[in-house]
Amino acid sequence: MATAPAPTAAAPAPAAAAAAVPSASVPRGQVDLVDFIDWTGVECLNQDPAHGIANALKQGYREDEGLHLASDSDEQLLIYIPFMQVIKLHSALFKGPEEEGPKTVKLFSNREHMGFSNVNDFPPSDSVDLSSSHLLESKPVTLKYVKFQNVRSLTMFIEDNQSGADITKIQKIALYGTTVDTTNMKDLKKIEEH
């Protein structure tokens, strides 16, 4: 009878240890926002069709070392990510190769329908200058949290890469933050009408 509880007690331990490994890079009090992305609206301009955005953004794909997002005609990428509910964005993680990994990343909160022709017409909500150590260590970069309080969509402009190469490669993009409890405005109108 003493042996029956031992396997039961030992079984949760590996699961708990395995769960602790991925969450080690998740900032305290934040969650990986991958489950809140509206995948039907995700777009990436200038992506290589053979190496699309899903490789770097979708869970499972982004953990596969053999997959990556790659730019097509030059080093720049413009990524649009809508969310299914309003979020507060705390930090972002970018993983990529030391040479072709992203360097300058400009982030725009709630800025839709941007293209390469007008991306420089708007001031970014935040701009991140990644070093090769950021890309290799898989550590999240903390953003200007006050600029990302009520985010319905995020546009990321990958301006250049570490070495100035023609192609930018990103193995993983992870966004960390929390959801915002929102009020349905239609429900408010009904209350006001009575």
C-alpha atoms as a PDB file:
ATOM      1  CA  MET A   1       0.000   0.000   0.000  1.00  0.00           C
ATOM      2  CA  ALA A   2       2.912   2.357   0.600  1.00  0.00           C
ATOM      3  CA  THR A   3       3.961   1.953  -3.043  1.00  0.00           C
ATOM      4  CA  ALA A   4       0.567   3.074  -4.467  1.00  0.00           C
ATOM      5  CA  PRO A   5       0.809   6.727  -3.286  1.00  0.00           C
ATOM      6  CA  ALA A   6       4.432   7.064  -4.445  1.00  0.00           C
ATOM      7  CA  PRO A   7       3.678   6.803  -8.227  1.00  0.00           C
ATOM      8  CA  THR A   8       0.679   9.108  -7.801  1.00  0.00           C
ATOM      9  CA  ALA A   9       2.840  11.686  -6.040  1.00  0.00           C
ATOM     10  CA  ALA A  10       5.656  11.295  -8.567  1.00  0.00           C
ATOM     11  CA  ALA A  11       3.412  11.634 -11.636  1.00  0.00           C
ATOM     12  CA  PRO A  12       2.470  15.312 -11.114  1.00  0.00           C
ATOM     13  CA  ALA A  13       6.062  16.328 -10.395  1.00  0.00           C
ATOM     14  CA  PRO A  14       7.366  15.916 -13.997  1.00  0.00           C
ATOM     15  CA  ALA A  15       4.294  17.685 -15.364  1.00  0.00           C
ATOM     16  CA  ALA A  16       4.845  20.575 -12.961  1.00  0.00           C
ATOM     17  CA  ALA A  17       8.526  20.729 -13.900  1.00  0.00           C
ATOM     18  CA  ALA A  18       7.682  20.676 -17.613  1.00  0.00           C
ATOM     19  CA  ALA A  19       5.140  23.463 -17.144  1.00  0.00           C
ATOM     20  CA  ALA A  20       7.717  25.554 -15.288  1.00  0.00           C
ATOM     21  CA  VAL A  21      10.170  25.478 -18.187  1.00  0.00           C
ATOM     22  CA  PRO A  22       8.123  27.435 -20.781  1.00  0.00           C
ATOM     23  CA  SER A  23       6.677  29.802 -18.178  1.00  0.00           C
ATOM     24  CA  ALA A  24      10.200  30.718 -17.026  1.00  0.00           C
ATOM     25  CA  SER A  25      10.354  33.291 -19.855  1.00  0.00           C
ATOM     26  CA  VAL A  26       6.802  34.565 -19.224  1.00  0.00           C
ATOM     27  CA  PRO A  27       7.023  37.752 -17.146  1.00  0.00           C
ATOM     28  CA  ARG A  28       5.476  37.503 -13.685  1.00  0.00           C
ATOM     29  CA  GLY A  29       1.740  38.228 -13.666  1.00  0.00           C
ATOM     30  CA  GLN A  30       1.492  38.064 -17.476  1.00  0.00           C
ATOM     31  CA  VAL A  31       0.202  35.383 -19.850  1.00  0.00           C
ATOM     32  CA  ASP A  32       1.159  34.330 -23.361  1.00  0.00           C
ATOM     33  CA  LEU A  33      -1.467  36.081 -25.508  1.00  0.00           C
ATOM     34  CA  VAL A  34      -1.365  33.467 -28.302  1.00  0.00           C
ATOM     35  CA  ASP A  35      -4.849  32.190 -27.342  1.00  0.00           C
ATOM     36  CA  PHE A  36      -6.353  35.661 -27.831  1.00  0.00           C
ATOM     37  CA  ILE A  37      -5.091  36.226 -31.396  1.00  0.00           C
ATOM     38  CA  ASP A  38      -7.790  36.419 -34.087  1.00  0.00           C
ATOM     39  CA  TRP A  39      -6.029  34.179 -36.626  1.00  0.00           C
ATOM     40  CA  THR A  40      -8.503  35.016 -39.423  1.00  0.00           C
ATOM     41  CA  GLY A  41      -7.167  38.589 -39.499  1.00  0.00           C
ATOM     42  CA  VAL A  42      -3.416  38.020 -39.081  1.00  0.00           C
ATOM     43  CA  GLU A  43      -1.437  39.419 -42.016  1.00  0.00           C
ATOM     44  CA  CYS A  44       2.237  39.642 -42.877  1.00  0.00           C
ATOM     45  CA  LEU A  45       3.470  41.749 -45.788  1.00  0.00           C
ATOM     46  CA  ASN A  46       6.642  40.718 -47.632  1.00  0.00           C
ATOM     47  CA  GLN A  47       6.720  37.198 -46.177  1.00  0.00           C
ATOM     48  CA  ASP A  48       8.272  34.354 -48.115  1.00  0.00           C
ATOM     49  CA  PRO A  49       5.273  32.124 -49.022  1.00  0.00           C
ATOM     50  CA  ALA A  50       7.288  29.044 -48.013  1.00  0.00           C
ATOM     51  CA  HIS A  51       8.148  30.562 -44.601  1.00  0.00           C
ATOM     52  CA  GLY A  52       4.993  32.351 -43.405  1.00  0.00           C
ATOM     53  CA  ILE A  53       3.970  34.141 -40.215  1.00  0.00           C
ATOM     54  CA  ALA A  54       2.344  31.033 -38.677  1.00  0.00           C
ATOM     55  CA  ASN A  55       5.831  29.495 -38.305  1.00  0.00           C
ATOM     56  CA  ALA A  56       6.871  32.221 -35.845  1.00  0.00           C
ATOM     57  CA  LEU A  57       3.560  33.055 -34.181  1.00  0.00           C
ATOM     58  CA  LYS A  58       1.486  29.875 -33.772  1.00  0.00           C
ATOM     59  CA  GLN A  59       2.001  27.663 -30.754  1.00  0.00           C
ATOM     60  CA  GLY A  60       3.707  24.401 -31.699  1.00  0.00           C
ATOM     61  CA  TYR A  61       5.136  25.864 -34.911  1.00  0.00           C
ATOM     62  CA  ARG A  62       7.172  28.538 -33.115  1.00  0.00           C
ATOM     63  CA  GLU A  63       8.771  25.906 -30.861  1.00  0.00           C
ATOM     64  CA  ASP A  64       9.967  23.908 -33.889  1.00  0.00           C
ATOM     65  CA  GLU A  65      13.614  24.827 -34.520  1.00  0.00           C
ATOM     66  CA  GLY A  66      13.255  23.916 -38.211  1.00  0.00           C
ATOM     67  CA  LEU A  67      10.507  26.478 -38.907  1.00  0.00           C
ATOM     68  CA  HIS A  68      10.797  30.249 -39.246  1.00  0.00           C
ATOM     69  CA  LEU A  69       9.238  33.345 -40.774  1.00  0.00           C
ATOM     70  CA  ALA A  70      11.340  34.835 -43.571  1.00  0.00           C
ATOM     71  CA  SER A  71      11.089  38.053 -45.534  1.00  0.00           C
ATOM     72  CA  ASP A  72      10.832  37.841 -49.312  1.00  0.00           C
ATOM     73  CA  SER A  73      12.058  40.725 -51.496  1.00  0.00           C
ATOM     74  CA  ASP A  74      14.052  42.629 -48.842  1.00  0.00           C
ATOM     75  CA  GLU A  75      14.729  42.575 -45.085  1.00  0.00           C
ATOM     76  CA  GLN A  76      11.506  44.303 -43.998  1.00  0.00           C
ATOM     77  CA  LEU A  77       8.330  42.691 -42.653  1.00  0.00           C
ATOM     78  CA  LEU A  78       5.019  44.272 -41.669  1.00  0.00           C
ATOM     79  CA  ILE A  79       2.935  42.098 -39.339  1.00  0.00           C
ATOM     80  CA  TYR A  80      -0.670  42.833 -38.329  1.00  0.00           C
ATOM     81  CA  ILE A  81      -2.127  40.918 -35.363  1.00  0.00           C
ATOM     82  CA  PRO A  82      -5.752  41.497 -34.305  1.00  0.00           C
ATOM     83  CA  PHE A  83      -7.003  40.187 -30.963  1.00  0.00           C
ATOM     84  CA  MET A  84     -10.360  38.595 -30.119  1.00  0.00           C
ATOM     85  CA  GLN A  85     -10.641  40.825 -27.056  1.00  0.00           C
ATOM     86  CA  VAL A  86      -8.950  43.929 -25.731  1.00  0.00           C
ATOM     87  CA  ILE A  87      -5.566  43.225 -24.151  1.00  0.00           C
ATOM     88  CA  LYS A  88      -2.849  45.026 -22.202  1.00  0.00           C
ATOM     89  CA  LEU A  89       0.505  44.308 -23.802  1.00  0.00           C
ATOM     90  CA  HIS A  90       3.429  44.085 -21.389  1.00  0.00           C
ATOM     91  CA  SER A  91       6.325  42.594 -23.353  1.00  0.00           C
ATOM     92  CA  ALA A  92       7.354  40.808 -26.520  1.00  0.00           C
ATOM     93  CA  LEU A  93       9.831  38.051 -27.248  1.00  0.00           C
ATOM     94  CA  PHE A  94      11.651  37.686 -30.553  1.00  0.00           C
ATOM     95  CA  LYS A  95      13.851  34.705 -31.330  1.00  0.00           C
ATOM     96  CA  GLY A  96      15.930  34.482 -34.469  1.00  0.00           C
ATOM     97  CA  PRO A  97      19.341  33.677 -35.939  1.00  0.00           C
ATOM     98  CA  GLU A  98      22.280  35.828 -34.867  1.00  0.00           C
ATOM     99  CA  GLU A  99      22.857  37.283 -38.354  1.00  0.00           C
ATOM    100  CA  GLU A 100      19.391  37.425 -39.986  1.00  0.00           C
ATOM    101  CA  GLY A 101      17.328  37.972 -36.831  1.00  0.00           C
ATOM    102  CA  PRO A 102      15.314  41.213 -36.484  1.00  0.00           C
ATOM    103  CA  LYS A 103      17.034  44.326 -35.126  1.00  0.00           C
ATOM    104  CA  THR A 104      14.708  47.364 -35.185  1.00  0.00           C
ATOM    105  CA  VAL A 105      11.068  46.572 -34.390  1.00  0.00           C
ATOM    106  CA  LYS A 106       8.463  49.348 -34.332  1.00  0.00           C
ATOM    107  CA  LEU A 107       5.167  48.518 -32.633  1.00  0.00           C
ATOM    108  CA  PHE A 108       1.890  50.297 -33.315  1.00  0.00           C
ATOM    109  CA  SER A 109      -1.161  49.860 -31.095  1.00  0.00           C
ATOM    110  CA  ASN A 110      -4.600  49.879 -32.802  1.00  0.00           C
ATOM    111  CA  ARG A 111      -3.217  51.095 -36.141  1.00  0.00           C
ATOM    112  CA  GLU A 112      -4.953  49.211 -38.954  1.00  0.00           C
ATOM    113  CA  HIS A 113      -4.351  49.085 -42.711  1.00  0.00           C
ATOM    114  CA  MET A 114      -0.716  50.099 -42.635  1.00  0.00           C
ATOM    115  CA  GLY A 115       1.562  49.439 -45.569  1.00  0.00           C
ATOM    116  CA  PHE A 116       5.225  49.954 -46.339  1.00  0.00           C
ATOM    117  CA  SER A 117       4.308  53.234 -48.077  1.00  0.00           C
ATOM    118  CA  ASN A 118       2.829  54.832 -44.929  1.00  0.00           C
ATOM    119  CA  VAL A 119       4.444  53.002 -41.993  1.00  0.00           C
ATOM    120  CA  ASN A 120       6.861  55.888 -41.388  1.00  0.00           C
ATOM    121  CA  ASP A 121       4.025  58.457 -41.436  1.00  0.00           C
ATOM    122  CA  PHE A 122       2.939  57.483 -37.918  1.00  0.00           C
ATOM    123  CA  PRO A 123       4.899  57.555 -34.663  1.00  0.00           C
ATOM    124  CA  PRO A 124       5.216  54.054 -33.190  1.00  0.00           C
ATOM    125  CA  SER A 125       3.743  53.306 -29.760  1.00  0.00           C
ATOM    126  CA  ASP A 126       7.155  51.858 -28.957  1.00  0.00           C
ATOM    127  CA  SER A 127      10.356  50.955 -30.768  1.00  0.00           C
ATOM    128  CA  VAL A 128      12.675  48.123 -29.755  1.00  0.00           C
ATOM    129  CA  ASP A 129      16.315  47.760 -30.759  1.00  0.00           C
ATOM    130  CA  LEU A 130      17.120  44.067 -30.384  1.00  0.00           C
ATOM    131  CA  SER A 131      20.641  42.769 -29.903  1.00  0.00           C
ATOM    132  CA  SER A 132      21.791  39.342 -31.037  1.00  0.00           C
ATOM    133  CA  SER A 133      21.792  38.271 -27.373  1.00  0.00           C
ATOM    134  CA  HIS A 134      18.057  39.123 -27.135  1.00  0.00           C
ATOM    135  CA  LEU A 135      17.406  36.808 -30.068  1.00  0.00           C
ATOM    136  CA  LEU A 136      19.482  33.927 -28.737  1.00  0.00           C
ATOM    137  CA  GLU A 137      18.501  34.080 -25.058  1.00  0.00           C
ATOM    138  CA  SER A 138      14.736  34.152 -25.700  1.00  0.00           C
ATOM    139  CA  LYS A 139      14.133  36.858 -23.111  1.00  0.00           C
ATOM    140  CA  PRO A 140      11.087  39.122 -23.430  1.00  0.00           C
ATOM    141  CA  VAL A 141      11.636  42.836 -23.988  1.00  0.00           C
ATOM    142  CA  THR A 142       9.479  45.021 -21.731  1.00  0.00           C
ATOM    143  CA  LEU A 143       7.453  47.573 -23.687  1.00  0.00           C
ATOM    144  CA  LYS A 144       6.160  51.020 -22.696  1.00  0.00           C
ATOM    145  CA  TYR A 145       3.238  49.478 -20.825  1.00  0.00           C
ATOM    146  CA  VAL A 146       1.229  52.740 -20.665  1.00  0.00           C
ATOM    147  CA  LYS A 147       1.156  52.837 -24.477  1.00  0.00           C
ATOM    148  CA  PHE A 148      -0.427  49.369 -24.720  1.00  0.00           C
ATOM    149  CA  GLN A 149      -3.358  49.504 -22.269  1.00  0.00           C
ATOM    150  CA  ASN A 150      -6.345  48.981 -24.595  1.00  0.00           C
ATOM    151  CA  VAL A 151      -4.971  47.041 -27.539  1.00  0.00           C
ATOM    152  CA  ARG A 152      -7.391  45.611 -30.110  1.00  0.00           C
ATOM    153  CA  SER A 153      -4.665  45.070 -32.705  1.00  0.00           C
ATOM    154  CA  LEU A 154      -0.898  45.274 -32.949  1.00  0.00           C
ATOM    155  CA  THR A 155       1.158  46.146 -36.019  1.00  0.00           C
ATOM    156  CA  MET A 156       4.864  45.279 -35.957  1.00  0.00           C
ATOM    157  CA  PHE A 157       7.250  46.781 -38.480  1.00  0.00           C
ATOM    158  CA  ILE A 158      10.501  44.825 -38.708  1.00  0.00           C
ATOM    159  CA  GLU A 159      12.675  47.542 -40.192  1.00  0.00           C
ATOM    160  CA  ASP A 160      16.001  45.735 -40.480  1.00  0.00           C
ATOM    161  CA  ASN A 161      18.036  42.789 -39.240  1.00  0.00           C
ATOM    162  CA  GLN A 162      21.250  42.288 -37.280  1.00  0.00           C
ATOM    163  CA  SER A 163      23.692  42.077 -40.222  1.00  0.00           C
ATOM    164  CA  GLY A 164      21.962  44.093 -42.946  1.00  0.00           C
ATOM    165  CA  ALA A 165      21.285  40.873 -44.886  1.00  0.00           C
ATOM    166  CA  ASP A 166      18.625  40.769 -47.615  1.00  0.00           C
ATOM    167  CA  ILE A 167      16.458  38.305 -45.700  1.00  0.00           C
ATOM    168  CA  THR A 168      15.177  38.601 -42.132  1.00  0.00           C
ATOM    169  CA  LYS A 169      14.358  35.384 -40.276  1.00  0.00           C
ATOM    170  CA  ILE A 170      12.274  35.074 -37.116  1.00  0.00           C
ATOM    171  CA  GLN A 171      11.866  31.728 -35.355  1.00  0.00           C
ATOM    172  CA  LYS A 172       9.492  32.877 -32.619  1.00  0.00           C
ATOM    173  CA  ILE A 173       7.319  35.845 -31.704  1.00  0.00           C
ATOM    174  CA  ALA A 174       5.555  35.713 -28.336  1.00  0.00           C
ATOM    175  CA  LEU A 175       3.425  38.485 -26.849  1.00  0.00           C
ATOM    176  CA  TYR A 176       2.850  38.719 -23.108  1.00  0.00           C
ATOM    177  CA  GLY A 177       0.228  40.688 -21.229  1.00  0.00           C
ATOM    178  CA  THR A 178      -3.252  40.403 -19.774  1.00  0.00           C
ATOM    179  CA  THR A 179      -6.804  40.690 -21.021  1.00  0.00           C
ATOM    180  CA  VAL A 180      -8.999  43.692 -20.258  1.00  0.00           C
ATOM    181  CA  ASP A 181     -12.543  43.163 -18.991  1.00  0.00           C
ATOM    182  CA  THR A 182     -14.582  45.202 -21.433  1.00  0.00           C
ATOM    183  CA  THR A 183     -18.153  46.408 -21.389  1.00  0.00           C
ATOM    184  CA  ASN A 184     -20.370  45.709 -24.367  1.00  0.00           C
ATOM    185  CA  MET A 185     -21.505  49.163 -25.529  1.00  0.00           C
ATOM    186  CA  LYS A 186     -24.721  47.710 -27.018  1.00  0.00           C
ATOM    187  CA  ASP A 187     -25.741  46.551 -23.540  1.00  0.00           C
ATOM    188  CA  LEU A 188     -25.145  50.056 -22.169  1.00  0.00           C
ATOM    189  CA  LYS A 189     -27.466  51.628 -24.748  1.00  0.00           C
ATOM    190  CA  LYS A 190     -30.248  49.247 -23.755  1.00  0.00           C
ATOM    191  CA  ILE A 191     -29.914  50.307 -20.113  1.00  0.00           C
ATOM    192  CA  GLU A 192     -29.906  54.027 -21.005  1.00  0.00           C
ATOM    193  CA  GLU A 193     -33.026  53.686 -23.156  1.00  0.00           C
ATOM    194  CA  HIS A 194     -35.174  52.447 -20.251  1.00  0.00           C
END
